[in-house]
Amino acid sequence: MKNKEQKPGFLQRLQTKWKLDSLLQVVLVLVVFACTGFTILFIKNPVLDFFGVEKGGFVNTVLYLLLVLPLYQIFLLIYGFIFGQFRFFWEKEKQIFRRIAKLFSKKSD
């Protein structure tokens, strides 16, 4: 017996979660994430090698957080612009900055 009520698929759930207009827009957002990740994969080691840091060490991790993660955010915006999804990624960036600012603005009791 087949269930008449069909669950929304993965792309439909992302469309709802991200409040996007179409499945094409969901696919484009996923392509932006893929291109950004692929780009970071290729530039991470040269960036860290430039500073002469041993792989896997504490300094490597700190430099990764300070240099590579911001580059990831920049590439998200660049690829978002290329694929016509800049507004989506700009809104996400603003959310991230608000959360970071909130962490630093909390007063100690």
N, C-alpha and C. Protein backbone atom coordinates (compact mmCIF):
# COMPACT_ATOMS: atom_id res chain seq x y z
N MET A 1 0.84 -1.18 0.00
CA MET A 1 0.00 0.00 0.00
C MET A 1 0.89 1.24 0.00
N LYS A 2 0.58 2.15 -0.88
CA LYS A 2 1.41 3.35 -1.05
C LYS A 2 0.84 4.51 -0.24
N ASN A 3 1.73 5.24 0.41
CA ASN A 3 1.35 6.40 1.19
C ASN A 3 0.97 7.54 0.24
N LYS A 4 -0.26 8.05 0.37
CA LYS A 4 -0.74 9.11 -0.53
C LYS A 4 -0.08 10.45 -0.23
N GLU A 5 0.32 10.63 1.02
CA GLU A 5 0.94 11.89 1.42
C GLU A 5 2.45 11.77 1.18
N GLN A 6 2.93 12.53 0.21
CA GLN A 6 4.34 12.45 -0.15
C GLN A 6 5.15 13.50 0.63
N LYS A 7 6.27 13.04 1.22
CA LYS A 7 7.13 13.96 1.96
C LYS A 7 7.90 14.82 0.97
N PRO A 8 8.15 16.07 1.34
CA PRO A 8 8.95 16.92 0.45
C PRO A 8 10.37 16.37 0.38
N GLY A 9 10.97 16.50 -0.79
CA GLY A 9 12.33 16.03 -1.00
C GLY A 9 13.35 16.97 -0.38
N PHE A 10 14.60 16.56 -0.49
CA PHE A 10 15.71 17.32 0.08
C PHE A 10 15.74 18.75 -0.45
N LEU A 11 15.62 18.92 -1.75
CA LEU A 11 15.69 20.27 -2.34
C LEU A 11 14.50 21.13 -1.90
N GLN A 12 13.33 20.53 -1.81
CA GLN A 12 12.15 21.28 -1.35
C GLN A 12 12.31 21.73 0.10
N ARG A 13 12.90 20.85 0.93
CA ARG A 13 13.13 21.24 2.33
C ARG A 13 14.12 22.39 2.42
N LEU A 14 15.19 22.34 1.60
CA LEU A 14 16.14 23.45 1.59
C LEU A 14 15.49 24.73 1.10
N GLN A 15 14.63 24.60 0.09
CA GLN A 15 13.94 25.78 -0.45
C GLN A 15 13.11 26.44 0.65
N THR A 16 12.42 25.63 1.43
CA THR A 16 11.60 26.16 2.53
C THR A 16 12.48 26.77 3.62
N LYS A 17 13.52 26.04 4.01
CA LYS A 17 14.40 26.50 5.09
C LYS A 17 15.09 27.81 4.72
N TRP A 18 15.58 27.89 3.49
CA TRP A 18 16.32 29.08 3.06
C TRP A 18 15.40 30.17 2.49
N LYS A 19 14.10 29.88 2.41
CA LYS A 19 13.11 30.85 1.90
C LYS A 19 13.47 31.31 0.49
N LEU A 20 13.72 30.34 -0.39
CA LEU A 20 14.06 30.64 -1.78
C LEU A 20 12.83 30.46 -2.67
N ASP A 21 12.86 31.12 -3.82
CA ASP A 21 11.70 31.15 -4.70
C ASP A 21 11.54 29.90 -5.55
N SER A 22 12.65 29.24 -5.91
CA SER A 22 12.55 28.12 -6.83
C SER A 22 13.59 27.06 -6.52
N LEU A 23 13.37 25.88 -7.07
CA LEU A 23 14.34 24.81 -6.92
C LEU A 23 15.63 25.14 -7.67
N LEU A 24 15.53 25.87 -8.76
CA LEU A 24 16.73 26.29 -9.49
C LEU A 24 17.61 27.15 -8.59
N GLN A 25 17.00 28.02 -7.82
CA GLN A 25 17.76 28.86 -6.90
C GLN A 25 18.45 28.00 -5.84
N VAL A 26 17.79 26.96 -5.35
CA VAL A 26 18.40 26.04 -4.39
C VAL A 26 19.62 25.38 -5.01
N VAL A 27 19.48 24.92 -6.24
CA VAL A 27 20.59 24.27 -6.93
C VAL A 27 21.74 25.25 -7.11
N LEU A 28 21.45 26.49 -7.48
CA LEU A 28 22.50 27.49 -7.65
C LEU A 28 23.22 27.77 -6.34
N VAL A 29 22.49 27.83 -5.24
CA VAL A 29 23.11 28.05 -3.93
C VAL A 29 24.03 26.87 -3.60
N LEU A 30 23.59 25.66 -3.88
CA LEU A 30 24.42 24.48 -3.64
C LEU A 30 25.67 24.50 -4.52
N VAL A 31 25.53 24.96 -5.75
CA VAL A 31 26.69 25.07 -6.66
C VAL A 31 27.68 26.09 -6.10
N VAL A 32 27.18 27.19 -5.56
CA VAL A 32 28.05 28.20 -4.96
C VAL A 32 28.83 27.59 -3.79
N PHE A 33 28.14 26.85 -2.92
CA PHE A 33 28.83 26.19 -1.81
C PHE A 33 29.90 25.22 -2.32
N ALA A 34 29.57 24.47 -3.36
CA ALA A 34 30.52 23.50 -3.92
C ALA A 34 31.74 24.20 -4.51
N CYS A 35 31.51 25.24 -5.29
CA CYS A 35 32.64 25.98 -5.90
C CYS A 35 33.52 26.62 -4.84
N THR A 36 32.90 27.17 -3.81
CA THR A 36 33.66 27.80 -2.74
C THR A 36 34.51 26.77 -2.00
N GLY A 37 33.92 25.65 -1.66
CA GLY A 37 34.67 24.60 -0.97
C GLY A 37 35.82 24.08 -1.81
N PHE A 38 35.57 23.91 -3.10
CA PHE A 38 36.60 23.42 -4.01
C PHE A 38 37.75 24.43 -4.11
N THR A 39 37.41 25.71 -4.18
CA THR A 39 38.43 26.75 -4.24
C THR A 39 39.28 26.78 -2.97
N ILE A 40 38.63 26.70 -1.82
CA ILE A 40 39.35 26.71 -0.55
C ILE A 40 40.25 25.49 -0.44
N LEU A 41 39.81 24.36 -0.96
CA LEU A 41 40.62 23.15 -0.97
C LEU A 41 41.95 23.40 -1.67
N PHE A 42 41.92 24.16 -2.75
CA PHE A 42 43.14 24.42 -3.51
C PHE A 42 44.00 25.55 -2.95
N ILE A 43 43.40 26.52 -2.26
CA ILE A 43 44.20 27.65 -1.79
C ILE A 43 44.64 27.52 -0.34
N LYS A 44 44.01 26.62 0.41
CA LYS A 44 44.33 26.49 1.84
C LYS A 44 45.82 26.21 2.07
N ASN A 45 46.34 25.17 1.46
CA ASN A 45 47.74 24.80 1.69
C ASN A 45 48.73 25.86 1.22
N PRO A 46 48.56 26.44 0.02
CA PRO A 46 49.49 27.51 -0.36
C PRO A 46 49.46 28.70 0.61
N VAL A 47 48.29 29.05 1.10
CA VAL A 47 48.19 30.17 2.05
C VAL A 47 48.94 29.82 3.33
N LEU A 48 48.71 28.61 3.85
CA LEU A 48 49.37 28.21 5.09
C LEU A 48 50.87 27.98 4.88
N ASP A 49 51.25 27.44 3.71
CA ASP A 49 52.67 27.24 3.40
C ASP A 49 53.41 28.57 3.30
N PHE A 50 52.72 29.58 2.84
CA PHE A 50 53.33 30.92 2.72
C PHE A 50 53.88 31.38 4.08
N PHE A 51 53.19 31.00 5.15
CA PHE A 51 53.61 31.40 6.49
C PHE A 51 54.56 30.38 7.11
N GLY A 52 54.89 29.31 6.38
CA GLY A 52 55.87 28.32 6.84
C GLY A 52 55.46 27.57 8.09
N VAL A 53 54.18 27.26 8.20
CA VAL A 53 53.66 26.59 9.39
C VAL A 53 53.58 25.09 9.13
N GLU A 54 53.95 24.29 10.16
CA GLU A 54 53.84 22.84 10.04
C GLU A 54 52.37 22.44 10.03
N LYS A 55 52.07 21.44 9.25
CA LYS A 55 50.68 20.98 9.14
C LYS A 55 50.26 20.26 10.42
N GLY A 56 49.04 20.54 10.84
CA GLY A 56 48.47 19.85 11.99
C GLY A 56 48.79 20.46 13.33
N GLY A 57 49.61 21.48 13.38
CA GLY A 57 49.96 22.10 14.65
C GLY A 57 48.96 23.14 15.10
N PHE A 58 49.19 23.64 16.29
CA PHE A 58 48.31 24.65 16.86
C PHE A 58 48.33 25.94 16.03
N VAL A 59 49.53 26.35 15.61
CA VAL A 59 49.66 27.57 14.82
C VAL A 59 48.93 27.41 13.49
N ASN A 60 49.01 26.22 12.90
CA ASN A 60 48.30 25.92 11.66
C ASN A 60 46.80 26.14 11.85
N THR A 61 46.27 25.65 12.94
CA THR A 61 44.84 25.78 13.21
C THR A 61 44.46 27.25 13.40
N VAL A 62 45.27 27.99 14.15
CA VAL A 62 44.97 29.40 14.38
C VAL A 62 45.01 30.18 13.07
N LEU A 63 46.06 29.94 12.26
CA LEU A 63 46.15 30.63 10.97
C LEU A 63 45.00 30.25 10.05
N TYR A 64 44.59 29.00 10.11
CA TYR A 64 43.45 28.56 9.31
C TYR A 64 42.21 29.37 9.70
N LEU A 65 41.98 29.48 10.99
CA LEU A 65 40.80 30.22 11.46
C LEU A 65 40.88 31.71 11.13
N LEU A 66 42.08 32.27 11.22
CA LEU A 66 42.23 33.71 10.98
C LEU A 66 42.30 34.09 9.50
N LEU A 67 42.81 33.19 8.65
CA LEU A 67 43.03 33.53 7.24
C LEU A 67 42.09 32.80 6.29
N VAL A 68 42.01 31.50 6.43
CA VAL A 68 41.28 30.71 5.44
C VAL A 68 39.76 30.86 5.61
N LEU A 69 39.27 30.85 6.82
CA LEU A 69 37.82 30.99 7.01
C LEU A 69 37.29 32.33 6.49
N PRO A 70 37.98 33.45 6.73
CA PRO A 70 37.50 34.70 6.10
C PRO A 70 37.57 34.64 4.58
N LEU A 71 38.59 33.98 4.03
CA LEU A 71 38.66 33.81 2.57
C LEU A 71 37.45 33.02 2.07
N TYR A 72 37.04 32.02 2.84
CA TYR A 72 35.86 31.24 2.48
C TYR A 72 34.64 32.16 2.35
N GLN A 73 34.47 33.04 3.32
CA GLN A 73 33.33 33.96 3.29
C GLN A 73 33.39 34.88 2.08
N ILE A 74 34.58 35.35 1.75
CA ILE A 74 34.75 36.22 0.59
C ILE A 74 34.43 35.47 -0.70
N PHE A 75 34.92 34.24 -0.80
CA PHE A 75 34.63 33.45 -2.01
C PHE A 75 33.15 33.10 -2.11
N LEU A 76 32.49 32.92 -0.99
CA LEU A 76 31.03 32.71 -1.05
C LEU A 76 30.35 33.89 -1.74
N LEU A 77 30.76 35.10 -1.37
CA LEU A 77 30.15 36.28 -1.98
C LEU A 77 30.52 36.41 -3.45
N ILE A 78 31.76 36.10 -3.79
CA ILE A 78 32.20 36.18 -5.19
C ILE A 78 31.42 35.19 -6.04
N TYR A 79 31.39 33.94 -5.63
CA TYR A 79 30.65 32.93 -6.40
C TYR A 79 29.15 33.21 -6.36
N GLY A 80 28.67 33.73 -5.23
CA GLY A 80 27.26 34.11 -5.15
C GLY A 80 26.92 35.16 -6.20
N PHE A 81 27.82 36.12 -6.39
CA PHE A 81 27.62 37.14 -7.41
C PHE A 81 27.64 36.52 -8.81
N ILE A 82 28.63 35.66 -9.06
CA ILE A 82 28.76 35.02 -10.37
C ILE A 82 27.51 34.23 -10.74
N PHE A 83 26.95 33.52 -9.77
CA PHE A 83 25.78 32.68 -10.03
C PHE A 83 24.46 33.37 -9.73
N GLY A 84 24.49 34.68 -9.51
CA GLY A 84 23.26 35.44 -9.31
C GLY A 84 22.59 35.23 -7.97
N GLN A 85 23.35 34.81 -6.97
CA GLN A 85 22.79 34.56 -5.64
C GLN A 85 23.44 35.43 -4.57
N PHE A 86 23.98 36.57 -5.00
CA PHE A 86 24.69 37.44 -4.06
C PHE A 86 23.80 37.85 -2.89
N ARG A 87 22.58 38.22 -3.16
CA ARG A 87 21.69 38.70 -2.09
C ARG A 87 21.51 37.64 -1.00
N PHE A 88 21.31 36.39 -1.42
CA PHE A 88 21.15 35.29 -0.46
C PHE A 88 22.38 35.20 0.44
N PHE A 89 23.57 35.17 -0.18
CA PHE A 89 24.79 35.00 0.60
C PHE A 89 25.13 36.25 1.40
N TRP A 90 24.80 37.42 0.92
CA TRP A 90 25.04 38.65 1.66
C TRP A 90 24.20 38.66 2.94
N GLU A 91 22.95 38.21 2.82
CA GLU A 91 22.09 38.13 4.01
C GLU A 91 22.66 37.13 5.02
N LYS A 92 23.17 36.00 4.54
CA LYS A 92 23.77 35.00 5.43
C LYS A 92 25.02 35.57 6.10
N GLU A 93 25.83 36.31 5.36
CA GLU A 93 27.04 36.94 5.93
C GLU A 93 26.65 37.92 7.04
N LYS A 94 25.63 38.71 6.79
CA LYS A 94 25.19 39.67 7.80
C LYS A 94 24.72 38.95 9.07
N GLN A 95 24.03 37.82 8.89
CA GLN A 95 23.61 37.03 10.06
C GLN A 95 24.81 36.54 10.85
N ILE A 96 25.83 36.07 10.14
CA ILE A 96 27.04 35.57 10.80
C ILE A 96 27.71 36.70 11.58
N PHE A 97 27.85 37.88 10.96
CA PHE A 97 28.49 39.01 11.64
C PHE A 97 27.68 39.46 12.86
N ARG A 98 26.36 39.41 12.75
CA ARG A 98 25.53 39.78 13.91
C ARG A 98 25.76 38.81 15.07
N ARG A 99 25.84 37.51 14.74
CA ARG A 99 26.08 36.50 15.80
C ARG A 99 27.44 36.70 16.44
N ILE A 100 28.46 36.97 15.63
CA ILE A 100 29.81 37.20 16.17
C ILE A 100 29.81 38.45 17.04
N ALA A 101 29.18 39.51 16.57
CA ALA A 101 29.11 40.75 17.34
C ALA A 101 28.38 40.52 18.67
N LYS A 102 27.35 39.71 18.64
CA LYS A 102 26.60 39.41 19.85
C LYS A 102 27.47 38.68 20.87
N LEU A 103 28.34 37.79 20.39
CA LEU A 103 29.24 37.06 21.30
C LEU A 103 30.18 38.02 22.03
N PHE A 104 30.69 39.02 21.29
CA PHE A 104 31.64 39.94 21.87
C PHE A 104 30.98 41.08 22.64
N SER A 105 29.69 41.29 22.42
CA SER A 105 29.03 42.40 23.10
C SER A 105 28.39 42.00 24.43
N LYS A 106 28.35 40.69 24.71
CA LYS A 106 27.79 40.25 25.99
C LYS A 106 28.67 40.72 27.13
N LYS A 107 28.03 41.29 28.12
CA LYS A 107 28.78 41.81 29.26
C LYS A 107 28.93 40.73 30.31
N SER A 108 30.09 40.67 30.92
CA SER A 108 30.34 39.71 32.00
C SER A 108 29.66 40.17 33.26
N ASP A 109 29.09 39.23 33.97
CA ASP A 109 28.42 39.57 35.24
C ASP A 109 29.36 39.43 36.40
